[in-house]
C-alpha atoms as a PDB file:
ATOM      1  CA  MET A   1       0.000   0.000   0.000  1.00  0.00           C
ATOM      2  CA  LEU A   2       1.304   3.425  -0.934  1.00  0.00           C
ATOM      3  CA  THR A   3       1.563   5.981   1.861  1.00  0.00           C
ATOM      4  CA  MET A   4       2.874   9.539   2.171  1.00  0.00           C
ATOM      5  CA  LYS A   5       6.359   8.065   2.784  1.00  0.00           C
ATOM      6  CA  ASP A   6       6.295   6.969  -0.878  1.00  0.00           C
ATOM      7  CA  ILE A   7       5.522  10.459  -2.204  1.00  0.00           C
ATOM      8  CA  ARG A   8       8.530  12.317  -3.588  1.00  0.00           C
ATOM      9  CA  ARG A   9       8.669  15.911  -2.431  1.00  0.00           C
ATOM     10  CA  GLU A  10       9.508  19.163  -4.093  1.00  0.00           C
ATOM     11  CA  GLY A  11      13.240  19.291  -4.843  1.00  0.00           C
ATOM     12  CA  ASP A  12      13.485  15.593  -5.786  1.00  0.00           C
ATOM     13  CA  PRO A  13      15.107  15.532  -9.270  1.00  0.00           C
ATOM     14  CA  ILE A  14      12.611  12.971 -10.644  1.00  0.00           C
ATOM     15  CA  LEU A  15       9.887  15.615 -10.410  1.00  0.00           C
ATOM     16  CA  THR A  16      11.644  17.734 -13.040  1.00  0.00           C
ATOM     17  CA  GLU A  17      12.498  14.919 -15.462  1.00  0.00           C
ATOM     18  CA  GLN A  18      10.635  13.705 -18.541  1.00  0.00           C
ATOM     19  CA  ALA A  19       8.959  10.356 -17.807  1.00  0.00           C
ATOM     20  CA  MET A  20       9.435   7.514 -20.294  1.00  0.00           C
ATOM     21  CA  GLU A  21       6.698   5.968 -22.434  1.00  0.00           C
ATOM     22  CA  ILE A  22       5.560   2.538 -21.321  1.00  0.00           C
ATOM     23  CA  ASP A  23       6.128  -0.216 -23.845  1.00  0.00           C
ATOM     24  CA  LEU A  24       2.802  -1.937 -24.437  1.00  0.00           C
ATOM     25  CA  PRO A  25       1.648  -4.413 -23.469  1.00  0.00           C
ATOM     26  CA  ALA A  26       2.596  -3.244 -19.991  1.00  0.00           C
ATOM     27  CA  THR A  27       4.263  -5.593 -17.554  1.00  0.00           C
ATOM     28  CA  GLU A  28       2.297  -6.994 -14.628  1.00  0.00           C
ATOM     29  CA  GLU A  29       4.461  -4.839 -12.355  1.00  0.00           C
ATOM     30  CA  GLU A  30       3.516  -1.667 -14.275  1.00  0.00           C
ATOM     31  CA  LYS A  31      -0.171  -2.598 -14.174  1.00  0.00           C
ATOM     32  CA  GLN A  32       0.044  -3.163 -10.409  1.00  0.00           C
ATOM     33  CA  ILE A  33       1.808   0.177  -9.863  1.00  0.00           C
ATOM     34  CA  LEU A  34      -1.034   1.920 -11.702  1.00  0.00           C
ATOM     35  CA  ARG A  35      -3.642   0.084  -9.587  1.00  0.00           C
ATOM     36  CA  ASP A  36      -1.698   1.002  -6.419  1.00  0.00           C
ATOM     37  CA  MET A  37      -1.646   4.671  -7.444  1.00  0.00           C
ATOM     38  CA  GLN A  38      -5.408   4.661  -7.926  1.00  0.00           C
ATOM     39  CA  GLN A  39      -5.938   2.848  -4.624  1.00  0.00           C
ATOM     40  CA  PHE A  40      -3.783   5.466  -2.864  1.00  0.00           C
ATOM     41  CA  LEU A  41      -6.169   8.188  -4.060  1.00  0.00           C
ATOM     42  CA  ILE A  42      -9.219   6.204  -2.954  1.00  0.00           C
ATOM     43  CA  ASN A  43      -7.616   5.551   0.452  1.00  0.00           C
ATOM     44  CA  SER A  44      -6.577   9.196   0.825  1.00  0.00           C
ATOM     45  CA  GLN A  45     -10.185  10.305   0.364  1.00  0.00           C
ATOM     46  CA  ASP A  46     -11.590   7.845   2.906  1.00  0.00           C
ATOM     47  CA  PRO A  47     -11.568   9.678   6.261  1.00  0.00           C
ATOM     48  CA  GLU A  48     -10.868   6.582   8.405  1.00  0.00           C
ATOM     49  CA  THR A  49      -8.130   5.157   6.159  1.00  0.00           C
ATOM     50  CA  ALA A  50      -6.542   8.588   5.673  1.00  0.00           C
ATOM     51  CA  LEU A  51      -6.441   9.141   9.433  1.00  0.00           C
ATOM     52  CA  GLU A  52      -5.099   5.665  10.194  1.00  0.00           C
ATOM     53  CA  TYR A  53      -2.260   5.926   7.639  1.00  0.00           C
ATOM     54  CA  GLU A  54      -1.741   9.720   7.862  1.00  0.00           C
ATOM     55  CA  LEU A  55      -2.565  10.253   4.183  1.00  0.00           C
ATOM     56  CA  ARG A  56      -3.056  13.683   2.648  1.00  0.00           C
ATOM     57  CA  SER A  57      -6.155  13.729   0.503  1.00  0.00           C
ATOM     58  CA  GLY A  58      -5.349  13.586  -3.197  1.00  0.00           C
ATOM     59  CA  ILE A  59      -7.412  13.616  -6.386  1.00  0.00           C
ATOM     60  CA  GLY A  60      -4.582  12.845  -8.795  1.00  0.00           C
ATOM     61  CA  ILE A  61      -1.109  11.315  -8.796  1.00  0.00           C
ATOM     62  CA  ALA A  62       1.590  10.671 -11.390  1.00  0.00           C
ATOM     63  CA  ALA A  63       4.201   7.889 -11.332  1.00  0.00           C
ATOM     64  CA  PRO A  64       7.162  10.298 -10.909  1.00  0.00           C
ATOM     65  CA  GLN A  65       5.596  11.376  -7.600  1.00  0.00           C
ATOM     66  CA  ILE A  66       6.299   7.870  -6.282  1.00  0.00           C
ATOM     67  CA  GLY A  67       9.773   7.756  -7.811  1.00  0.00           C
ATOM     68  CA  ILE A  68       8.871   5.954 -11.032  1.00  0.00           C
ATOM     69  CA  GLY A  69       9.871   7.756 -14.221  1.00  0.00           C
ATOM     70  CA  LYS A  70       7.162   6.222 -16.397  1.00  0.00           C
ATOM     71  CA  ARG A  71       4.145   7.812 -18.075  1.00  0.00           C
ATOM     72  CA  MET A  72       1.338   6.743 -15.733  1.00  0.00           C
ATOM     73  CA  ILE A  73      -1.307   8.826 -13.973  1.00  0.00           C
ATOM     74  CA  ALA A  74      -4.272   8.082 -11.741  1.00  0.00           C
ATOM     75  CA  VAL A  75      -7.210  10.339 -10.942  1.00  0.00           C
ATOM     76  CA  HIS A  76     -10.115   9.910  -8.535  1.00  0.00           C
ATOM     77  CA  VAL A  77     -12.145  13.098  -8.617  1.00  0.00           C
ATOM     78  CA  THR A  78     -15.784  14.145  -8.553  1.00  0.00           C
ATOM     79  CA  ASP A  79     -17.059  16.939 -10.788  1.00  0.00           C
ATOM     80  CA  HIS A  80     -19.512  19.687  -9.835  1.00  0.00           C
ATOM     81  CA  LYS A  81     -22.459  17.393 -10.663  1.00  0.00           C
ATOM     82  CA  GLY A  82     -21.203  14.606  -8.394  1.00  0.00           C
ATOM     83  CA  THR A  83     -19.977  12.360 -11.223  1.00  0.00           C
ATOM     84  CA  LEU A  84     -16.915  10.326 -10.205  1.00  0.00           C
ATOM     85  CA  TYR A  85     -13.988  10.148 -12.617  1.00  0.00           C
ATOM     86  CA  SER A  86     -11.710   7.345 -11.484  1.00  0.00           C
ATOM     87  CA  TYR A  87      -9.048   6.300 -13.970  1.00  0.00           C
ATOM     88  CA  GLY A  88      -5.571   4.882 -14.167  1.00  0.00           C
ATOM     89  CA  ILE A  89      -3.983   5.732 -17.516  1.00  0.00           C
ATOM     90  CA  MET A  90      -0.689   4.665 -19.077  1.00  0.00           C
ATOM     91  CA  ASN A  91       0.865   6.897 -21.727  1.00  0.00           C
ATOM     92  CA  PRO A  92      -1.859   9.557 -21.404  1.00  0.00           C
ATOM     93  CA  LYS A  93      -1.942  12.078 -24.222  1.00  0.00           C
ATOM     94  CA  ILE A  94      -4.167  15.094 -24.711  1.00  0.00           C
ATOM     95  CA  ILE A  95      -5.422  14.726 -28.279  1.00  0.00           C
ATOM     96  CA  SER A  96      -7.683  17.785 -28.331  1.00  0.00           C
ATOM     97  CA  HIS A  97      -8.557  20.718 -26.122  1.00  0.00           C
ATOM     98  CA  SER A  98     -10.797  23.746 -26.003  1.00  0.00           C
ATOM     99  CA  VAL A  99      -9.650  27.236 -26.883  1.00  0.00           C
ATOM    100  CA  GLU A 100     -11.353  28.338 -23.668  1.00  0.00           C
ATOM    101  CA  LYS A 101      -9.224  28.260 -20.549  1.00  0.00           C
ATOM    102  CA  THR A 102     -10.075  28.356 -16.863  1.00  0.00           C
ATOM    103  CA  PHE A 103      -8.293  28.061 -13.528  1.00  0.00           C
ATOM    104  CA  LEU A 104      -9.065  26.820 -10.041  1.00  0.00           C
ATOM    105  CA  ASP A 105     -10.266  29.641  -7.860  1.00  0.00           C
ATOM    106  CA  GLY A 106      -7.989  29.352  -4.843  1.00  0.00           C
ATOM    107  CA  GLY A 107      -5.113  27.800  -6.778  1.00  0.00           C
ATOM    108  CA  GLU A 108      -3.848  24.253  -7.190  1.00  0.00           C
ATOM    109  CA  GLY A 109      -2.188  21.968  -4.680  1.00  0.00           C
ATOM    110  CA  CYS A 110       0.034  18.936  -5.027  1.00  0.00           C
ATOM    111  CA  LEU A 111       0.894  15.885  -2.919  1.00  0.00           C
ATOM    112  CA  SER A 112       4.576  16.618  -3.628  1.00  0.00           C
ATOM    113  CA  VAL A 113       4.392  20.219  -2.412  1.00  0.00           C
ATOM    114  CA  ASP A 114       4.101  20.677   1.346  1.00  0.00           C
ATOM    115  CA  ARG A 115       3.331  24.390   1.230  1.00  0.00           C
ATOM    116  CA  GLU A 116       0.671  26.753  -0.009  1.00  0.00           C
ATOM    117  CA  VAL A 117       1.574  28.279  -3.378  1.00  0.00           C
ATOM    118  CA  PRO A 118      -0.832  31.091  -4.245  1.00  0.00           C
ATOM    119  CA  GLY A 119      -1.555  31.935  -7.847  1.00  0.00           C
ATOM    120  CA  ALA A 120      -3.748  31.012 -10.777  1.00  0.00           C
ATOM    121  CA  VAL A 121      -2.772  28.196 -13.144  1.00  0.00           C
ATOM    122  CA  PRO A 122      -4.498  28.646 -16.531  1.00  0.00           C
ATOM    123  CA  ARG A 123      -5.693  25.287 -17.924  1.00  0.00           C
ATOM    124  CA  PHE A 124      -7.822  24.200 -20.858  1.00  0.00           C
ATOM    125  CA  ALA A 125     -11.497  24.086 -19.836  1.00  0.00           C
ATOM    126  CA  ARG A 126     -12.121  20.891 -21.844  1.00  0.00           C
ATOM    127  CA  ILE A 127      -9.799  18.152 -23.041  1.00  0.00           C
ATOM    128  CA  THR A 128      -9.908  14.760 -24.689  1.00  0.00           C
ATOM    129  CA  VAL A 129      -7.262  12.363 -23.446  1.00  0.00           C
ATOM    130  CA  LYS A 130      -6.348   8.929 -24.689  1.00  0.00           C
ATOM    131  CA  GLY A 131      -4.134   6.203 -23.290  1.00  0.00           C
ATOM    132  CA  THR A 132      -4.270   2.648 -21.993  1.00  0.00           C
ATOM    133  CA  ASN A 133      -5.808   1.398 -18.747  1.00  0.00           C
ATOM    134  CA  ALA A 134      -4.361  -1.180 -16.324  1.00  0.00           C
ATOM    135  CA  GLU A 135      -6.181  -3.959 -18.202  1.00  0.00           C
ATOM    136  CA  GLY A 136      -4.359  -3.015 -21.409  1.00  0.00           C
ATOM    137  CA  GLU A 137      -7.483  -1.573 -23.032  1.00  0.00           C
ATOM    138  CA  PRO A 138      -7.379   1.701 -24.966  1.00  0.00           C
ATOM    139  CA  VAL A 139      -9.257   4.561 -23.315  1.00  0.00           C
ATOM    140  CA  LYS A 140     -10.449   7.868 -24.721  1.00  0.00           C
ATOM    141  CA  ILE A 141     -12.042  10.246 -22.241  1.00  0.00           C
ATOM    142  CA  ARG A 142     -13.627  13.677 -22.680  1.00  0.00           C
ATOM    143  CA  LEU A 143     -13.284  15.836 -19.594  1.00  0.00           C
ATOM    144  CA  LYS A 144     -14.265  19.317 -18.523  1.00  0.00           C
ATOM    145  CA  GLY A 145     -13.973  21.406 -15.391  1.00  0.00           C
ATOM    146  CA  LEU A 146     -12.110  19.966 -12.390  1.00  0.00           C
ATOM    147  CA  PRO A 147     -11.448  16.493 -13.900  1.00  0.00           C
ATOM    148  CA  ALA A 148      -9.856  18.173 -16.965  1.00  0.00           C
ATOM    149  CA  ILE A 149      -7.690  20.362 -14.738  1.00  0.00           C
ATOM    150  CA  VAL A 150      -6.555  17.381 -12.651  1.00  0.00           C
ATOM    151  CA  VAL A 151      -5.540  15.353 -15.722  1.00  0.00           C
ATOM    152  CA  GLN A 152      -3.583  18.323 -17.126  1.00  0.00           C
ATOM    153  CA  HIS A 153      -1.825  18.750 -13.748  1.00  0.00           C
ATOM    154  CA  GLU A 154      -0.855  15.056 -13.686  1.00  0.00           C
ATOM    155  CA  ILE A 155       0.322  14.985 -17.329  1.00  0.00           C
ATOM    156  CA  ASP A 156       2.505  17.996 -16.492  1.00  0.00           C
ATOM    157  CA  HIS A 157       4.228  15.816 -13.862  1.00  0.00           C
ATOM    158  CA  LEU A 158       5.132  13.369 -16.643  1.00  0.00           C
ATOM    159  CA  ASP A 159       6.845  16.231 -18.452  1.00  0.00           C
ATOM    160  CA  GLY A 160       8.724  17.450 -15.368  1.00  0.00           C
ATOM    161  CA  ILE A 161       6.489  20.502 -14.932  1.00  0.00           C
ATOM    162  CA  MET A 162       5.263  21.544 -11.503  1.00  0.00           C
ATOM    163  CA  PHE A 163       1.961  23.434 -11.230  1.00  0.00           C
ATOM    164  CA  TYR A 164       3.677  26.551  -9.904  1.00  0.00           C
ATOM    165  CA  ASP A 165       5.775  26.683 -13.096  1.00  0.00           C
ATOM    166  CA  ARG A 166       2.504  27.532 -14.882  1.00  0.00           C
ATOM    167  CA  ILE A 167       1.197  30.226 -12.518  1.00  0.00           C
ATOM    168  CA  ASP A 168       0.160  33.209 -14.629  1.00  0.00           C
ATOM    169  CA  ASN A 169      -2.068  35.649 -12.759  1.00  0.00           C
ATOM    170  CA  GLU A 170      -2.026  38.078 -15.678  1.00  0.00           C
ATOM    171  CA  GLU A 171      -3.417  35.517 -18.149  1.00  0.00           C
ATOM    172  CA  ALA A 172      -5.895  34.288 -15.537  1.00  0.00           C
ATOM    173  CA  SER A 173      -7.240  37.792 -14.982  1.00  0.00           C
ATOM    174  CA  GLY A 174      -9.090  37.468 -18.301  1.00  0.00           C
ATOM    175  CA  LEU A 175     -10.518  34.011 -17.533  1.00  0.00           C
ATOM    176  CA  SER A 176     -13.503  32.738 -15.586  1.00  0.00           C
ATOM    177  CA  PRO A 177     -12.426  30.832 -12.472  1.00  0.00           C
ATOM    178  CA  LEU A 178     -13.691  27.331 -11.791  1.00  0.00           C
ATOM    179  CA  ASN A 179     -15.051  27.049  -8.278  1.00  0.00           C
ATOM    180  CA  ARG A 180     -14.484  23.645  -6.759  1.00  0.00           C
END
């Protein structure tokens, strides 16, 4: 089971490196890592489990955050309508996005960053992402709002980009904020 001890923190070189594509079909070990990442998010959002294991609540995680330089992300997030988006994706790629951008009112956070970082992070309001799930099946998902922002945040981790590298309050001043 993954815990906060497994999360790499700001300053760890792996967080600024480009993650490598996964050769498909993925190995059983890679599939299990992806399942473990998703389970971490589920556990972190369960009040009893989070308390017992001292987990910070997370809605997304990327493999580099647990010290693995491979292109894998997991998300477990509910949108404004209460719809749950729970995915583990290998080799995720944004294949289309809206012209419209938005940002999280109140800023973004990160399991790898143990401090508040104020500022707006402009993100595409809608994206379509494709990749492969832990069962080796192709996935293509259309996302908007918070789930779209979370996936963009996690894909940035695969490219060695931290959310605060994208803070742009000037650009955000012309955008409509997304309220969680």
